[in-house]
N, C-alpha and C. Protein backbone atom coordinates (compact mmCIF):
# COMPACT_ATOMS: atom_id res chain seq x y z
N UNK A 1 18.11 13.66 -30.77
CA UNK A 1 18.30 13.12 -29.44
C UNK A 1 17.14 13.55 -28.55
N UNK A 2 16.48 12.61 -27.90
CA UNK A 2 15.33 12.97 -27.08
C UNK A 2 15.74 13.76 -25.84
N UNK A 3 14.89 14.70 -25.50
CA UNK A 3 15.13 15.49 -24.28
C UNK A 3 14.72 14.67 -23.07
N UNK A 4 15.41 14.84 -21.96
CA UNK A 4 15.02 14.10 -20.75
C UNK A 4 13.67 14.61 -20.22
N UNK A 5 12.97 13.75 -19.52
CA UNK A 5 11.68 14.11 -18.93
C UNK A 5 11.94 15.13 -17.82
N UNK A 6 11.39 16.34 -17.94
CA UNK A 6 11.71 17.39 -16.96
C UNK A 6 11.21 17.09 -15.54
N UNK A 7 10.23 16.22 -15.40
CA UNK A 7 9.69 15.90 -14.08
C UNK A 7 10.20 14.55 -13.56
N UNK A 8 11.33 14.08 -14.10
CA UNK A 8 11.85 12.76 -13.72
C UNK A 8 12.10 12.66 -12.21
N UNK A 9 12.61 13.73 -11.62
CA UNK A 9 12.88 13.72 -10.18
C UNK A 9 11.58 13.51 -9.40
N UNK A 10 10.52 14.20 -9.83
CA UNK A 10 9.24 14.04 -9.15
C UNK A 10 8.67 12.64 -9.36
N UNK A 11 8.87 12.09 -10.56
CA UNK A 11 8.43 10.72 -10.82
C UNK A 11 9.18 9.75 -9.91
N UNK A 12 10.49 9.93 -9.78
CA UNK A 12 11.28 9.07 -8.91
C UNK A 12 10.84 9.19 -7.44
N UNK A 13 10.57 10.43 -7.01
CA UNK A 13 10.10 10.64 -5.64
C UNK A 13 8.73 10.00 -5.42
N UNK A 14 7.86 10.10 -6.42
CA UNK A 14 6.54 9.47 -6.32
C UNK A 14 6.67 7.96 -6.23
N UNK A 15 7.58 7.40 -7.01
CA UNK A 15 7.80 5.95 -6.97
C UNK A 15 8.34 5.53 -5.60
N UNK A 16 9.28 6.30 -5.07
CA UNK A 16 9.83 6.02 -3.75
C UNK A 16 8.75 6.14 -2.67
N UNK A 17 7.93 7.18 -2.78
CA UNK A 17 6.83 7.37 -1.82
C UNK A 17 5.82 6.24 -1.88
N UNK A 18 5.53 5.78 -3.07
CA UNK A 18 4.58 4.68 -3.23
C UNK A 18 5.15 3.39 -2.64
N UNK A 19 6.43 3.14 -2.88
CA UNK A 19 7.07 1.95 -2.32
C UNK A 19 7.07 2.01 -0.78
N UNK A 20 7.39 3.18 -0.25
CA UNK A 20 7.43 3.34 1.21
C UNK A 20 6.03 3.16 1.81
N UNK A 21 5.02 3.71 1.14
CA UNK A 21 3.64 3.56 1.63
C UNK A 21 3.21 2.10 1.59
N UNK A 22 3.62 1.37 0.57
CA UNK A 22 3.28 -0.06 0.47
C UNK A 22 3.95 -0.84 1.60
N UNK A 23 5.20 -0.52 1.88
CA UNK A 23 5.91 -1.21 2.97
C UNK A 23 5.25 -0.90 4.31
N UNK A 24 4.90 0.36 4.53
CA UNK A 24 4.27 0.75 5.78
C UNK A 24 2.90 0.09 5.92
N UNK A 25 2.17 -0.02 4.82
CA UNK A 25 0.88 -0.70 4.86
C UNK A 25 1.06 -2.17 5.24
N UNK A 26 2.10 -2.79 4.74
CA UNK A 26 2.39 -4.17 5.13
C UNK A 26 2.66 -4.30 6.62
N UNK A 27 3.39 -3.33 7.16
CA UNK A 27 3.70 -3.35 8.60
C UNK A 27 2.42 -3.21 9.43
N UNK A 28 1.58 -2.24 9.08
CA UNK A 28 0.36 -2.04 9.88
C UNK A 28 -0.63 -3.18 9.69
N UNK A 29 -0.64 -3.80 8.51
CA UNK A 29 -1.48 -4.99 8.31
C UNK A 29 -1.02 -6.13 9.21
N UNK A 30 0.29 -6.31 9.32
CA UNK A 30 0.83 -7.34 10.20
C UNK A 30 0.49 -7.08 11.66
N UNK A 31 0.60 -5.81 12.06
CA UNK A 31 0.27 -5.43 13.43
C UNK A 31 -1.22 -5.69 13.70
N UNK A 32 -2.06 -5.33 12.74
CA UNK A 32 -3.50 -5.55 12.87
C UNK A 32 -3.80 -7.04 13.03
N UNK A 33 -3.16 -7.84 12.23
CA UNK A 33 -3.36 -9.30 12.29
C UNK A 33 -2.92 -9.83 13.67
N UNK A 34 -1.78 -9.35 14.17
CA UNK A 34 -1.31 -9.77 15.50
C UNK A 34 -2.31 -9.39 16.59
N UNK A 35 -2.83 -8.16 16.53
CA UNK A 35 -3.78 -7.71 17.54
C UNK A 35 -5.06 -8.55 17.50
N UNK A 36 -5.53 -8.89 16.31
CA UNK A 36 -6.73 -9.71 16.20
C UNK A 36 -6.48 -11.13 16.72
N UNK A 37 -5.31 -11.66 16.45
CA UNK A 37 -4.98 -13.00 16.95
C UNK A 37 -4.92 -13.02 18.48
N UNK A 38 -4.35 -11.97 19.06
CA UNK A 38 -4.27 -11.90 20.52
C UNK A 38 -5.67 -11.83 21.13
N UNK A 39 -6.55 -11.05 20.49
CA UNK A 39 -7.92 -10.97 20.97
C UNK A 39 -8.58 -12.34 20.89
N UNK A 40 -8.39 -13.02 19.79
CA UNK A 40 -8.97 -14.35 19.62
C UNK A 40 -8.46 -15.31 20.69
N UNK A 41 -7.17 -15.25 20.99
CA UNK A 41 -6.61 -16.11 22.05
C UNK A 41 -7.23 -15.81 23.41
N UNK A 42 -7.40 -14.53 23.71
CA UNK A 42 -8.03 -14.16 24.99
C UNK A 42 -9.47 -14.68 25.06
N UNK A 43 -10.20 -14.55 23.97
CA UNK A 43 -11.59 -15.03 23.95
C UNK A 43 -11.64 -16.55 24.11
N UNK A 44 -10.72 -17.25 23.45
CA UNK A 44 -10.67 -18.71 23.58
C UNK A 44 -10.29 -19.10 25.01
N UNK A 45 -9.33 -18.39 25.58
CA UNK A 45 -8.89 -18.69 26.94
C UNK A 45 -10.05 -18.49 27.92
N UNK A 46 -10.80 -17.41 27.74
CA UNK A 46 -11.95 -17.15 28.61
C UNK A 46 -12.97 -18.28 28.48
N UNK A 47 -13.23 -18.68 27.24
CA UNK A 47 -14.19 -19.77 27.02
C UNK A 47 -13.73 -21.07 27.65
N UNK A 48 -12.46 -21.40 27.51
CA UNK A 48 -11.92 -22.63 28.10
C UNK A 48 -11.98 -22.57 29.63
N UNK A 49 -11.62 -21.43 30.18
CA UNK A 49 -11.62 -21.29 31.63
C UNK A 49 -13.05 -21.37 32.17
N UNK A 50 -13.99 -20.76 31.48
CA UNK A 50 -15.39 -20.81 31.90
C UNK A 50 -15.92 -22.24 31.83
N UNK A 51 -15.57 -22.97 30.78
CA UNK A 51 -15.99 -24.37 30.65
C UNK A 51 -15.38 -25.22 31.76
N UNK A 52 -14.13 -24.97 32.07
CA UNK A 52 -13.47 -25.73 33.14
C UNK A 52 -14.14 -25.44 34.48
N UNK A 53 -14.47 -24.17 34.71
CA UNK A 53 -15.15 -23.81 35.95
C UNK A 53 -16.51 -24.49 36.04
N UNK A 54 -17.22 -24.56 34.93
CA UNK A 54 -18.53 -25.20 34.94
C UNK A 54 -18.40 -26.67 35.37
N UNK A 55 -17.37 -27.34 34.91
CA UNK A 55 -17.15 -28.74 35.31
C UNK A 55 -16.84 -28.84 36.80
N UNK A 56 -16.00 -27.93 37.29
CA UNK A 56 -15.62 -27.93 38.71
C UNK A 56 -16.82 -27.55 39.57
N UNK A 57 -17.62 -26.60 39.11
CA UNK A 57 -18.77 -26.12 39.89
C UNK A 57 -19.81 -27.22 40.07
N UNK A 58 -19.91 -28.13 39.13
CA UNK A 58 -20.87 -29.23 39.26
C UNK A 58 -20.52 -30.11 40.45
N UNK A 59 -19.25 -30.21 40.75
CA UNK A 59 -18.81 -31.02 41.89
C UNK A 59 -18.92 -30.23 43.19
N UNK A 60 -19.19 -28.94 43.10
CA UNK A 60 -19.29 -28.09 44.28
C UNK A 60 -18.07 -27.20 44.41
N UNK A 61 -18.33 -25.97 44.84
CA UNK A 61 -17.23 -25.00 44.94
C UNK A 61 -17.46 -24.13 46.15
N UNK A 62 -16.39 -23.80 46.85
CA UNK A 62 -16.47 -22.88 47.99
C UNK A 62 -16.73 -21.47 47.49
N UNK A 63 -17.20 -20.64 48.39
CA UNK A 63 -17.45 -19.25 48.02
C UNK A 63 -16.14 -18.52 47.70
N UNK A 64 -15.05 -18.92 48.35
CA UNK A 64 -13.75 -18.31 48.07
C UNK A 64 -13.31 -18.66 46.65
N UNK A 65 -13.50 -19.91 46.28
CA UNK A 65 -13.16 -20.34 44.92
C UNK A 65 -14.00 -19.62 43.89
N UNK A 66 -15.29 -19.45 44.20
CA UNK A 66 -16.18 -18.75 43.28
C UNK A 66 -15.77 -17.28 43.14
N UNK A 67 -15.42 -16.65 44.27
CA UNK A 67 -14.98 -15.25 44.23
C UNK A 67 -13.68 -15.12 43.43
N UNK A 68 -12.75 -16.03 43.64
CA UNK A 68 -11.49 -16.01 42.87
C UNK A 68 -11.77 -16.16 41.37
N UNK A 69 -12.71 -17.04 41.06
CA UNK A 69 -13.08 -17.22 39.66
C UNK A 69 -13.63 -15.93 39.08
N UNK A 70 -14.54 -15.29 39.80
CA UNK A 70 -15.15 -14.04 39.31
C UNK A 70 -14.08 -12.97 39.11
N UNK A 71 -13.16 -12.85 40.04
CA UNK A 71 -12.09 -11.87 39.90
C UNK A 71 -11.22 -12.18 38.68
N UNK A 72 -10.94 -13.46 38.50
CA UNK A 72 -10.11 -13.86 37.36
C UNK A 72 -10.84 -13.56 36.04
N UNK A 73 -12.13 -13.91 35.98
CA UNK A 73 -12.93 -13.63 34.78
C UNK A 73 -13.01 -12.12 34.54
N UNK A 74 -13.17 -11.35 35.61
CA UNK A 74 -13.20 -9.88 35.46
C UNK A 74 -11.88 -9.38 34.87
N UNK A 75 -10.77 -9.95 35.33
CA UNK A 75 -9.46 -9.56 34.79
C UNK A 75 -9.33 -9.93 33.32
N UNK A 76 -9.81 -11.14 32.99
CA UNK A 76 -9.77 -11.55 31.57
C UNK A 76 -10.66 -10.63 30.74
N UNK A 77 -11.85 -10.30 31.27
CA UNK A 77 -12.76 -9.41 30.54
C UNK A 77 -12.12 -8.03 30.33
N UNK A 78 -11.41 -7.54 31.34
CA UNK A 78 -10.73 -6.25 31.20
C UNK A 78 -9.64 -6.34 30.13
N UNK A 79 -8.91 -7.46 30.14
CA UNK A 79 -7.86 -7.65 29.12
C UNK A 79 -8.49 -7.75 27.73
N UNK A 80 -9.64 -8.41 27.64
CA UNK A 80 -10.34 -8.52 26.35
C UNK A 80 -10.77 -7.14 25.87
N UNK A 81 -11.32 -6.35 26.77
CA UNK A 81 -11.77 -5.00 26.39
C UNK A 81 -10.58 -4.15 25.95
N UNK A 82 -9.48 -4.24 26.68
CA UNK A 82 -8.28 -3.50 26.30
C UNK A 82 -7.77 -3.96 24.93
N UNK A 83 -7.81 -5.26 24.70
CA UNK A 83 -7.36 -5.79 23.41
C UNK A 83 -8.29 -5.35 22.28
N UNK A 84 -9.58 -5.25 22.56
CA UNK A 84 -10.52 -4.76 21.54
C UNK A 84 -10.18 -3.32 21.14
N UNK A 85 -9.79 -2.53 22.13
CA UNK A 85 -9.38 -1.15 21.83
C UNK A 85 -8.12 -1.14 20.97
N UNK A 86 -7.19 -2.04 21.27
CA UNK A 86 -5.97 -2.13 20.46
C UNK A 86 -6.29 -2.60 19.04
N UNK A 87 -7.24 -3.52 18.92
CA UNK A 87 -7.66 -3.99 17.59
C UNK A 87 -8.28 -2.83 16.81
N UNK A 88 -9.12 -2.03 17.48
CA UNK A 88 -9.74 -0.89 16.81
C UNK A 88 -8.68 0.13 16.37
N UNK A 89 -7.69 0.37 17.22
CA UNK A 89 -6.62 1.31 16.86
C UNK A 89 -5.81 0.76 15.69
N UNK A 90 -5.53 -0.54 15.70
CA UNK A 90 -4.78 -1.15 14.60
C UNK A 90 -5.58 -1.08 13.31
N UNK A 91 -6.89 -1.30 13.39
CA UNK A 91 -7.75 -1.22 12.20
C UNK A 91 -7.72 0.21 11.64
N UNK A 92 -7.75 1.19 12.53
CA UNK A 92 -7.68 2.59 12.09
C UNK A 92 -6.35 2.86 11.38
N UNK A 93 -5.26 2.32 11.91
CA UNK A 93 -3.95 2.49 11.26
C UNK A 93 -3.95 1.86 9.87
N UNK A 94 -4.59 0.71 9.73
CA UNK A 94 -4.66 0.05 8.42
C UNK A 94 -5.45 0.93 7.45
N UNK A 95 -6.59 1.45 7.89
CA UNK A 95 -7.39 2.31 7.01
C UNK A 95 -6.62 3.56 6.60
N UNK A 96 -5.91 4.16 7.56
CA UNK A 96 -5.09 5.33 7.25
C UNK A 96 -3.98 4.95 6.27
N UNK A 97 -3.34 3.82 6.51
CA UNK A 97 -2.29 3.34 5.61
C UNK A 97 -2.79 3.06 4.21
N UNK A 98 -4.00 2.52 4.11
CA UNK A 98 -4.58 2.25 2.79
C UNK A 98 -4.85 3.55 2.04
N UNK A 99 -5.41 4.53 2.76
CA UNK A 99 -5.68 5.82 2.11
C UNK A 99 -4.37 6.47 1.64
N UNK A 100 -3.35 6.41 2.48
CA UNK A 100 -2.05 6.99 2.12
C UNK A 100 -1.46 6.27 0.90
N UNK A 101 -1.54 4.94 0.90
CA UNK A 101 -1.01 4.17 -0.23
C UNK A 101 -1.76 4.51 -1.51
N UNK A 102 -3.09 4.61 -1.43
CA UNK A 102 -3.87 4.96 -2.62
C UNK A 102 -3.51 6.35 -3.13
N UNK A 103 -3.31 7.28 -2.21
CA UNK A 103 -2.90 8.64 -2.60
C UNK A 103 -1.56 8.60 -3.32
N UNK A 104 -0.62 7.85 -2.76
CA UNK A 104 0.71 7.74 -3.39
C UNK A 104 0.62 7.06 -4.75
N UNK A 105 -0.24 6.06 -4.87
CA UNK A 105 -0.41 5.37 -6.16
C UNK A 105 -0.98 6.32 -7.21
N UNK A 106 -1.98 7.12 -6.83
CA UNK A 106 -2.56 8.09 -7.78
C UNK A 106 -1.50 9.10 -8.21
N UNK A 107 -0.71 9.56 -7.27
CA UNK A 107 0.36 10.52 -7.58
C UNK A 107 1.37 9.90 -8.55
N UNK A 108 1.79 8.68 -8.26
CA UNK A 108 2.73 7.98 -9.13
C UNK A 108 2.14 7.79 -10.52
N UNK A 109 0.87 7.39 -10.58
CA UNK A 109 0.22 7.18 -11.87
C UNK A 109 0.17 8.48 -12.67
N UNK A 110 -0.09 9.59 -11.99
CA UNK A 110 -0.14 10.88 -12.68
C UNK A 110 1.21 11.22 -13.31
N UNK A 111 2.28 11.09 -12.52
CA UNK A 111 3.61 11.40 -13.07
C UNK A 111 4.01 10.40 -14.14
N UNK A 112 3.63 9.14 -13.96
CA UNK A 112 3.94 8.13 -14.97
C UNK A 112 3.22 8.44 -16.28
N UNK A 113 1.97 8.88 -16.19
CA UNK A 113 1.22 9.26 -17.39
C UNK A 113 1.90 10.43 -18.09
N UNK A 114 2.32 11.42 -17.31
CA UNK A 114 3.03 12.55 -17.91
C UNK A 114 4.33 12.10 -18.58
N UNK A 115 5.03 11.17 -17.95
CA UNK A 115 6.27 10.65 -18.52
C UNK A 115 6.00 9.92 -19.83
N UNK A 116 4.95 9.12 -19.86
CA UNK A 116 4.60 8.41 -21.10
C UNK A 116 4.24 9.39 -22.21
N UNK A 117 3.49 10.43 -21.86
CA UNK A 117 3.14 11.45 -22.86
C UNK A 117 4.39 12.15 -23.39
N UNK A 118 5.32 12.43 -22.47
CA UNK A 118 6.57 13.08 -22.87
C UNK A 118 7.34 12.19 -23.85
N UNK A 119 7.47 10.89 -23.50
CA UNK A 119 8.18 9.97 -24.40
C UNK A 119 7.49 9.87 -25.75
N UNK A 120 6.18 9.84 -25.74
CA UNK A 120 5.43 9.77 -27.00
C UNK A 120 5.66 11.02 -27.83
N UNK A 121 5.62 12.18 -27.19
CA UNK A 121 5.86 13.44 -27.90
C UNK A 121 7.28 13.48 -28.45
N UNK A 122 8.24 12.97 -27.69
CA UNK A 122 9.62 12.94 -28.16
C UNK A 122 9.77 12.02 -29.36
N UNK A 123 9.11 10.87 -29.33
CA UNK A 123 9.17 9.95 -30.48
C UNK A 123 8.55 10.60 -31.72
N UNK A 124 7.43 11.29 -31.53
CA UNK A 124 6.78 11.98 -32.65
C UNK A 124 7.69 13.06 -33.19
N UNK A 125 8.32 13.82 -32.31
CA UNK A 125 9.23 14.88 -32.73
C UNK A 125 10.43 14.31 -33.49
N UNK A 126 10.97 13.20 -32.97
CA UNK A 126 12.10 12.55 -33.66
C UNK A 126 11.69 12.06 -35.04
N UNK A 127 10.50 11.48 -35.14
CA UNK A 127 10.03 10.97 -36.43
C UNK A 127 9.86 12.12 -37.42
N UNK A 128 9.32 13.23 -36.94
CA UNK A 128 9.17 14.39 -37.82
C UNK A 128 10.53 14.91 -38.28
N UNK A 129 11.48 14.96 -37.35
CA UNK A 129 12.82 15.45 -37.69
C UNK A 129 13.47 14.53 -38.73
N UNK A 130 13.34 13.21 -38.52
CA UNK A 130 13.89 12.26 -39.49
C UNK A 130 13.23 12.44 -40.85
N UNK A 131 11.91 12.61 -40.86
CA UNK A 131 11.19 12.79 -42.12
C UNK A 131 11.66 14.07 -42.81
N UNK A 132 11.84 15.13 -42.04
CA UNK A 132 12.31 16.40 -42.61
C UNK A 132 13.70 16.22 -43.22
N UNK A 133 14.58 15.52 -42.49
CA UNK A 133 15.93 15.29 -43.01
C UNK A 133 15.90 14.46 -44.28
N UNK A 134 15.04 13.45 -44.31
CA UNK A 134 14.91 12.63 -45.53
C UNK A 134 14.36 13.45 -46.68
N UNK A 135 13.37 14.29 -46.39
CA UNK A 135 12.80 15.15 -47.44
C UNK A 135 13.85 16.12 -47.97
N UNK A 136 14.62 16.73 -47.05
CA UNK A 136 15.68 17.65 -47.46
C UNK A 136 16.72 16.94 -48.32
N UNK A 137 17.10 15.74 -47.92
CA UNK A 137 18.08 14.96 -48.67
C UNK A 137 17.54 14.63 -50.06
N UNK A 138 16.29 14.22 -50.13
CA UNK A 138 15.68 13.88 -51.42
C UNK A 138 15.58 15.13 -52.30
N UNK A 139 15.22 16.26 -51.69
CA UNK A 139 15.11 17.49 -52.47
C UNK A 139 16.47 17.92 -53.01
N UNK A 140 17.51 17.82 -52.19
CA UNK A 140 18.86 18.17 -52.65
C UNK A 140 19.29 17.26 -53.79
N UNK A 141 18.99 15.97 -53.63
CA UNK A 141 19.33 15.02 -54.71
C UNK A 141 18.58 15.35 -55.98
N UNK A 142 17.31 15.67 -55.84
CA UNK A 142 16.50 16.01 -57.00
C UNK A 142 17.03 17.28 -57.67
N UNK A 143 17.32 18.31 -56.85
CA UNK A 143 17.81 19.57 -57.41
C UNK A 143 19.18 19.41 -58.05
N UNK A 144 20.08 18.65 -57.42
CA UNK A 144 21.40 18.47 -58.02
C UNK A 144 21.30 17.65 -59.31
N UNK A 145 20.40 16.71 -59.36
CA UNK A 145 20.20 15.93 -60.59
C UNK A 145 19.60 16.81 -61.67
N UNK A 146 18.71 17.66 -61.30
CA UNK A 146 18.06 18.54 -62.25
C UNK A 146 19.05 19.57 -62.78
N UNK A 147 19.92 20.07 -61.91
CA UNK A 147 20.90 21.06 -62.35
C UNK A 147 21.94 20.40 -63.24
N UNK A 148 22.22 19.14 -62.97
CA UNK A 148 23.20 18.44 -63.79
C UNK A 148 22.63 18.17 -65.18
N UNK A 149 21.34 17.97 -65.30
CA UNK A 149 20.73 17.71 -66.60
C UNK A 149 20.28 18.99 -67.27
N UNK A 150 20.11 20.01 -66.55
CA UNK A 150 19.52 21.19 -67.13
C UNK A 150 20.38 22.30 -67.35
């Protein structure tokens, strides 16, 4: 009967840790994607607003309208800069999550390799035991046959 793998608990914990790291990486990847999309929307909105202003400015614009435009563009630029910081923070979280996931994967692979070696050693031990039992049985048969004839 094969002996249980003595590090099975650690293998199970490594598998659980790897699964959790993969799920967390998925979450931070989604957050990163959302932050990048928001930045893209802000950049597109700024471009559209600037193009619209250019059309209006050709027809003439009061200084009050121009000042309002500048303030609005400054606000959009501030929002874009803030969003860029959020994108950078999200990217950092993704990189950290990737490193953590890779660490968990290496740990899982190590315990899995040990488990495979254990199973292989157990199979070899079982095969040797079976061979020994067969040899003992054959020897007993040979000796009893020899004693019966001799």
